[in-house]
Amino acid sequence: MAIQVGAKMLRVDDLGAVDPGHLVDITVVQVAGNHFLTPMYDPLETLVYVGSGGRDVRLTIVDG
């Protein structure tokens, strides 16, 4: 549900599915309490132009 709601929030329609038998890549970004990413009016634009992988990414799962 979080994946689908997040995709809807980012206006992504061709997300695919996070279901048993599917391989997915997931990146978890810390937004709460992160003054670099707030205020976040447009999530995709904020992550692309302001986000930093070394500073903001908390977890990455590849083919999980």
PDB file of N, CA and C in Angstrom:
ATOM      1  N   MET A   1       0.820  -1.181   0.000  1.00  0.00           N
ATOM      2  CA  MET A   1       0.000   0.000   0.000  1.00  0.00           C
ATOM      3  C   MET A   1       0.872   1.257   0.000  1.00  0.00           C
ATOM      4  N   ALA A   2       1.954   1.253   0.759  1.00  0.00           N
ATOM      5  CA  ALA A   2       2.823   2.424   0.790  1.00  0.00           C
ATOM      6  C   ALA A   2       3.448   2.682  -0.578  1.00  0.00           C
ATOM      7  N   ILE A   3       3.772   1.621  -1.294  1.00  0.00           N
ATOM      8  CA  ILE A   3       4.362   1.775  -2.628  1.00  0.00           C
ATOM      9  C   ILE A   3       3.346   2.404  -3.579  1.00  0.00           C
ATOM     10  N   GLN A   4       2.123   1.909  -3.561  1.00  0.00           N
ATOM     11  CA  GLN A   4       1.088   2.428  -4.457  1.00  0.00           C
ATOM     12  C   GLN A   4       0.731   3.871  -4.131  1.00  0.00           C
ATOM     13  N   VAL A   5       0.609   4.186  -2.856  1.00  0.00           N
ATOM     14  CA  VAL A   5       0.283   5.563  -2.460  1.00  0.00           C
ATOM     15  C   VAL A   5       1.441   6.491  -2.804  1.00  0.00           C
ATOM     16  N   GLY A   6       2.675   6.028  -2.562  1.00  0.00           N
ATOM     17  CA  GLY A   6       3.841   6.829  -2.922  1.00  0.00           C
ATOM     18  C   GLY A   6       3.916   7.085  -4.416  1.00  0.00           C
ATOM     19  N   ALA A   7       3.617   6.075  -5.217  1.00  0.00           N
ATOM     20  CA  ALA A   7       3.625   6.237  -6.673  1.00  0.00           C
ATOM     21  C   ALA A   7       2.553   7.221  -7.110  1.00  0.00           C
ATOM     22  N   LYS A   8       1.391   7.131  -6.485  1.00  0.00           N
ATOM     23  CA  LYS A   8       0.313   8.068  -6.825  1.00  0.00           C
ATOM     24  C   LYS A   8       0.719   9.490  -6.461  1.00  0.00           C
ATOM     25  N   MET A   9       1.372   9.648  -5.302  1.00  0.00           N
ATOM     26  CA  MET A   9       1.819  10.964  -4.866  1.00  0.00           C
ATOM     27  C   MET A   9       2.836  11.549  -5.844  1.00  0.00           C
ATOM     28  N   LEU A  10       3.705  10.676  -6.389  1.00  0.00           N
ATOM     29  CA  LEU A  10       4.726  11.137  -7.339  1.00  0.00           C
ATOM     30  C   LEU A  10       4.227  11.155  -8.780  1.00  0.00           C
ATOM     31  N   ARG A  11       2.942  10.830  -8.956  1.00  0.00           N
ATOM     32  CA  ARG A  11       2.314  10.797 -10.289  1.00  0.00           C
ATOM     33  C   ARG A  11       2.997   9.797 -11.227  1.00  0.00           C
ATOM     34  N   VAL A  12       3.332   8.619 -10.694  1.00  0.00           N
ATOM     35  CA  VAL A  12       3.927   7.538 -11.479  1.00  0.00           C
ATOM     36  C   VAL A  12       2.855   6.486 -11.709  1.00  0.00           C
ATOM     37  N   ASP A  13       2.536   6.224 -12.993  1.00  0.00           N
ATOM     38  CA  ASP A  13       1.450   5.294 -13.316  1.00  0.00           C
ATOM     39  C   ASP A  13       1.935   3.885 -13.639  1.00  0.00           C
ATOM     40  N   ASP A  14       3.138   3.733 -14.167  1.00  0.00           N
ATOM     41  CA  ASP A  14       3.624   2.430 -14.635  1.00  0.00           C
ATOM     42  C   ASP A  14       4.574   1.799 -13.622  1.00  0.00           C
ATOM     43  N   LEU A  15       4.144   1.732 -12.387  1.00  0.00           N
ATOM     44  CA  LEU A  15       5.012   1.276 -11.312  1.00  0.00           C
ATOM     45  C   LEU A  15       5.281  -0.220 -11.335  1.00  0.00           C
ATOM     46  N   GLY A  16       4.288  -1.018 -11.704  1.00  0.00           N
ATOM     47  CA  GLY A  16       4.440  -2.459 -11.597  1.00  0.00           C
ATOM     48  C   GLY A  16       3.807  -2.927 -10.303  1.00  0.00           C
ATOM     49  N   ALA A  17       4.331  -3.992  -9.722  1.00  0.00           N
ATOM     50  CA  ALA A  17       3.730  -4.541  -8.511  1.00  0.00           C
ATOM     51  C   ALA A  17       4.794  -5.018  -7.540  1.00  0.00           C
ATOM     52  N   VAL A  18       4.500  -4.864  -6.267  1.00  0.00           N
ATOM     53  CA  VAL A  18       5.345  -5.418  -5.219  1.00  0.00           C
ATOM     54  C   VAL A  18       4.556  -6.581  -4.641  1.00  0.00           C
ATOM     55  N   ASP A  19       4.727  -7.742  -5.256  1.00  0.00           N
ATOM     56  CA  ASP A  19       3.997  -8.949  -4.892  1.00  0.00           C
ATOM     57  C   ASP A  19       4.962 -10.118  -4.827  1.00  0.00           C
ATOM     58  N   PRO A  20       4.564 -11.201  -4.157  1.00  0.00           N
ATOM     59  CA  PRO A  20       5.406 -12.400  -4.157  1.00  0.00           C
ATOM     60  C   PRO A  20       5.720 -12.844  -5.584  1.00  0.00           C
ATOM     61  N   GLY A  21       6.973 -13.171  -5.840  1.00  0.00           N
ATOM     62  CA  GLY A  21       7.390 -13.605  -7.163  1.00  0.00           C
ATOM     63  C   GLY A  21       7.928 -12.491  -8.036  1.00  0.00           C
ATOM     64  N   HIS A  22       7.765 -11.232  -7.626  1.00  0.00           N
ATOM     65  CA  HIS A  22       8.288 -10.097  -8.384  1.00  0.00           C
ATOM     66  C   HIS A  22       9.575  -9.598  -7.727  1.00  0.00           C
ATOM     67  N   LEU A  23      10.557  -9.256  -8.528  1.00  0.00           N
ATOM     68  CA  LEU A  23      11.781  -8.647  -8.004  1.00  0.00           C
ATOM     69  C   LEU A  23      11.601  -7.130  -8.031  1.00  0.00           C
ATOM     70  N   VAL A  24      11.948  -6.480  -6.935  1.00  0.00           N
ATOM     71  CA  VAL A  24      11.771  -5.035  -6.855  1.00  0.00           C
ATOM     72  C   VAL A  24      13.046  -4.367  -6.373  1.00  0.00           C
ATOM     73  N   ASP A  25      13.206  -3.114  -6.741  1.00  0.00           N
ATOM     74  CA  ASP A  25      14.268  -2.262  -6.234  1.00  0.00           C
ATOM     75  C   ASP A  25      13.585  -1.171  -5.409  1.00  0.00           C
ATOM     76  N   ILE A  26      14.001  -1.014  -4.174  1.00  0.00           N
ATOM     77  CA  ILE A  26      13.386  -0.032  -3.292  1.00  0.00           C
ATOM     78  C   ILE A  26      14.481   0.799  -2.638  1.00  0.00           C
ATOM     79  N   THR A  27      14.274   2.096  -2.592  1.00  0.00           N
ATOM     80  CA  THR A  27      15.166   2.996  -1.872  1.00  0.00           C
ATOM     81  C   THR A  27      14.341   3.734  -0.838  1.00  0.00           C
ATOM     82  N   VAL A  28      14.801   3.728   0.399  1.00  0.00           N
ATOM     83  CA  VAL A  28      14.118   4.415   1.493  1.00  0.00           C
ATOM     84  C   VAL A  28      14.881   5.709   1.784  1.00  0.00           C
ATOM     85  N   VAL A  29      14.168   6.821   1.716  1.00  0.00           N
ATOM     86  CA  VAL A  29      14.764   8.131   1.949  1.00  0.00           C
ATOM     87  C   VAL A  29      14.171   8.712   3.225  1.00  0.00           C
ATOM     88  N   GLN A  30      15.022   9.226   4.112  1.00  0.00           N
ATOM     89  CA  GLN A  30      14.539   9.866   5.335  1.00  0.00           C
ATOM     90  C   GLN A  30      14.138  11.294   5.032  1.00  0.00           C
ATOM     91  N   VAL A  31      12.842  11.560   5.206  1.00  0.00           N
ATOM     92  CA  VAL A  31      12.328  12.899   4.986  1.00  0.00           C
ATOM     93  C   VAL A  31      12.023  13.581   6.323  1.00  0.00           C
ATOM     94  N   ALA A  32      11.400  12.856   7.237  1.00  0.00           N
ATOM     95  CA  ALA A  32      11.023  13.432   8.532  1.00  0.00           C
ATOM     96  C   ALA A  32      12.272  13.885   9.289  1.00  0.00           C
ATOM     97  N   GLY A  33      12.242  15.111   9.751  1.00  0.00           N
ATOM     98  CA  GLY A  33      13.364  15.642  10.515  1.00  0.00           C
ATOM     99  C   GLY A  33      14.571  16.011   9.674  1.00  0.00           C
ATOM    100  N   ASN A  34      14.454  15.938   8.359  1.00  0.00           N
ATOM    101  CA  ASN A  34      15.570  16.247   7.469  1.00  0.00           C
ATOM    102  C   ASN A  34      15.369  17.662   6.918  1.00  0.00           C
ATOM    103  N   HIS A  35      16.079  18.628   7.464  1.00  0.00           N
ATOM    104  CA  HIS A  35      15.868  20.018   7.049  1.00  0.00           C
ATOM    105  C   HIS A  35      16.295  20.298   5.606  1.00  0.00           C
ATOM    106  N   PHE A  36      17.077  19.415   5.003  1.00  0.00           N
ATOM    107  CA  PHE A  36      17.452  19.591   3.601  1.00  0.00           C
ATOM    108  C   PHE A  36      16.267  19.326   2.671  1.00  0.00           C
ATOM    109  N   LEU A  37      15.368  18.434   3.067  1.00  0.00           N
ATOM    110  CA  LEU A  37      14.260  18.020   2.199  1.00  0.00           C
ATOM    111  C   LEU A  37      12.928  18.646   2.585  1.00  0.00           C
ATOM    112  N   THR A  38      12.931  19.575   3.510  1.00  0.00           N
ATOM    113  CA  THR A  38      11.677  20.223   3.882  1.00  0.00           C
ATOM    114  C   THR A  38      11.822  21.728   3.735  1.00  0.00           C
ATOM    115  N   PRO A  39      10.782  22.418   3.324  1.00  0.00           N
ATOM    116  CA  PRO A  39       9.472  21.894   2.967  1.00  0.00           C
ATOM    117  C   PRO A  39       9.520  21.162   1.627  1.00  0.00           C
ATOM    118  N   MET A  40       8.687  20.159   1.464  1.00  0.00           N
ATOM    119  CA  MET A  40       8.660  19.342   0.255  1.00  0.00           C
ATOM    120  C   MET A  40       7.333  19.579  -0.466  1.00  0.00           C
ATOM    121  N   TYR A  41       7.331  20.519  -1.381  1.00  0.00           N
ATOM    122  CA  TYR A  41       6.119  20.826  -2.133  1.00  0.00           C
ATOM    123  C   TYR A  41       5.922  19.836  -3.281  1.00  0.00           C
ATOM    124  N   ASP A  42       6.991  19.477  -3.958  1.00  0.00           N
ATOM    125  CA  ASP A  42       6.951  18.498  -5.045  1.00  0.00           C
ATOM    126  C   ASP A  42       7.982  17.420  -4.702  1.00  0.00           C
ATOM    127  N   PRO A  43       7.540  16.227  -4.245  1.00  0.00           N
ATOM    128  CA  PRO A  43       8.481  15.203  -3.776  1.00  0.00           C
ATOM    129  C   PRO A  43       9.525  14.793  -4.808  1.00  0.00           C
ATOM    130  N   LEU A  44       9.120  14.548  -6.045  1.00  0.00           N
ATOM    131  CA  LEU A  44      10.073  14.120  -7.061  1.00  0.00           C
ATOM    132  C   LEU A  44      11.104  15.207  -7.332  1.00  0.00           C
ATOM    133  N   GLU A  45      10.656  16.437  -7.496  1.00  0.00           N
ATOM    134  CA  GLU A  45      11.577  17.541  -7.761  1.00  0.00           C
ATOM    135  C   GLU A  45      12.534  17.751  -6.585  1.00  0.00           C
ATOM    136  N   THR A  46      12.030  17.665  -5.384  1.00  0.00           N
ATOM    137  CA  THR A  46      12.879  17.839  -4.199  1.00  0.00           C
ATOM    138  C   THR A  46      13.953  16.766  -4.119  1.00  0.00           C
ATOM    139  N   LEU A  47      13.576  15.511  -4.353  1.00  0.00           N
ATOM    140  CA  LEU A  47      14.562  14.424  -4.290  1.00  0.00           C
ATOM    141  C   LEU A  47      15.609  14.540  -5.388  1.00  0.00           C
ATOM    142  N   VAL A  48      15.185  14.949  -6.577  1.00  0.00           N
ATOM    143  CA  VAL A  48      16.122  15.044  -7.705  1.00  0.00           C
ATOM    144  C   VAL A  48      17.098  16.200  -7.520  1.00  0.00           C
ATOM    145  N   TYR A  49      16.598  17.371  -7.131  1.00  0.00           N
ATOM    146  CA  TYR A  49      17.439  18.562  -7.108  1.00  0.00           C
ATOM    147  C   TYR A  49      18.102  18.846  -5.766  1.00  0.00           C
ATOM    148  N   VAL A  50      17.552  18.334  -4.665  1.00  0.00           N
ATOM    149  CA  VAL A  50      18.093  18.653  -3.351  1.00  0.00           C
ATOM    150  C   VAL A  50      18.616  17.413  -2.620  1.00  0.00           C
ATOM    151  N   GLY A  51      18.031  16.249  -2.928  1.00  0.00           N
ATOM    152  CA  GLY A  51      18.401  15.027  -2.218  1.00  0.00           C
ATOM    153  C   GLY A  51      19.837  14.604  -2.471  1.00  0.00           C
ATOM    154  N   SER A  52      20.401  13.949  -1.466  1.00  0.00           N
ATOM    155  CA  SER A  52      21.763  13.442  -1.560  1.00  0.00           C
ATOM    156  C   SER A  52      21.771  11.988  -1.108  1.00  0.00           C
ATOM    157  N   GLY A  53      22.271  11.105  -1.954  1.00  0.00           N
ATOM    158  CA  GLY A  53      22.295   9.686  -1.623  1.00  0.00           C
ATOM    159  C   GLY A  53      23.066   9.368  -0.358  1.00  0.00           C
ATOM    160  N   GLY A  54      24.186  10.000  -0.171  1.00  0.00           N
ATOM    161  CA  GLY A  54      24.986   9.725   1.010  1.00  0.00           C
ATOM    162  C   GLY A  54      24.393  10.267   2.288  1.00  0.00           C
ATOM    163  N   ARG A  55      23.601  11.307   2.185  1.00  0.00           N
ATOM    164  CA  ARG A  55      23.037  11.954   3.363  1.00  0.00           C
ATOM    165  C   ARG A  55      21.614  11.499   3.666  1.00  0.00           C
ATOM    166  N   ASP A  56      20.797  11.273   2.648  1.00  0.00           N
ATOM    167  CA  ASP A  56      19.361  11.080   2.839  1.00  0.00           C
ATOM    168  C   ASP A  56      18.887   9.637   2.707  1.00  0.00           C
ATOM    169  N   VAL A  57      19.582   8.804   1.950  1.00  0.00           N
ATOM    170  CA  VAL A  57      19.151   7.421   1.738  1.00  0.00           C
ATOM    171  C   VAL A  57      19.492   6.591   2.968  1.00  0.00           C
ATOM    172  N   ARG A  58      18.491   5.887   3.486  1.00  0.00           N
ATOM    173  CA  ARG A  58      18.678   5.063   4.677  1.00  0.00           C
ATOM    174  C   ARG A  58      18.776   3.582   4.352  1.00  0.00           C
ATOM    175  N   LEU A  59      18.170   3.124   3.249  1.00  0.00           N
ATOM    176  CA  LEU A  59      18.151   1.701   2.910  1.00  0.00           C
ATOM    177  C   LEU A  59      17.922   1.548   1.411  1.00  0.00           C
ATOM    178  N   THR A  60      18.634   0.623   0.804  1.00  0.00           N
ATOM    179  CA  THR A  60      18.422   0.274  -0.601  1.00  0.00           C
ATOM    180  C   THR A  60      18.323  -1.232  -0.718  1.00  0.00           C
ATOM    181  N   ILE A  61      17.283  -1.706  -1.397  1.00  0.00           N
ATOM    182  CA  ILE A  61      17.080  -3.132  -1.635  1.00  0.00           C
ATOM    183  C   ILE A  61      17.039  -3.335  -3.149  1.00  0.00           C
ATOM    184  N   VAL A  62      17.888  -4.196  -3.673  1.00  0.00           N
ATOM    185  CA  VAL A  62      17.946  -4.460  -5.106  1.00  0.00           C
ATOM    186  C   VAL A  62      17.579  -5.918  -5.360  1.00  0.00           C
ATOM    187  N   ASP A  63      16.654  -6.133  -6.291  1.00  0.00           N
ATOM    188  CA  ASP A  63      16.157  -7.479  -6.637  1.00  0.00           C
ATOM    189  C   ASP A  63      15.669  -8.229  -5.398  1.00  0.00           C
ATOM    190  N   GLY A  64      15.011  -7.509  -4.519  1.00  0.00           N
ATOM    191  CA  GLY A  64      14.536  -8.102  -3.265  1.00  0.00           C
ATOM    192  C   GLY A  64      13.104  -8.575  -3.362  1.00  0.00           C
TER     193      GLY A  64
END
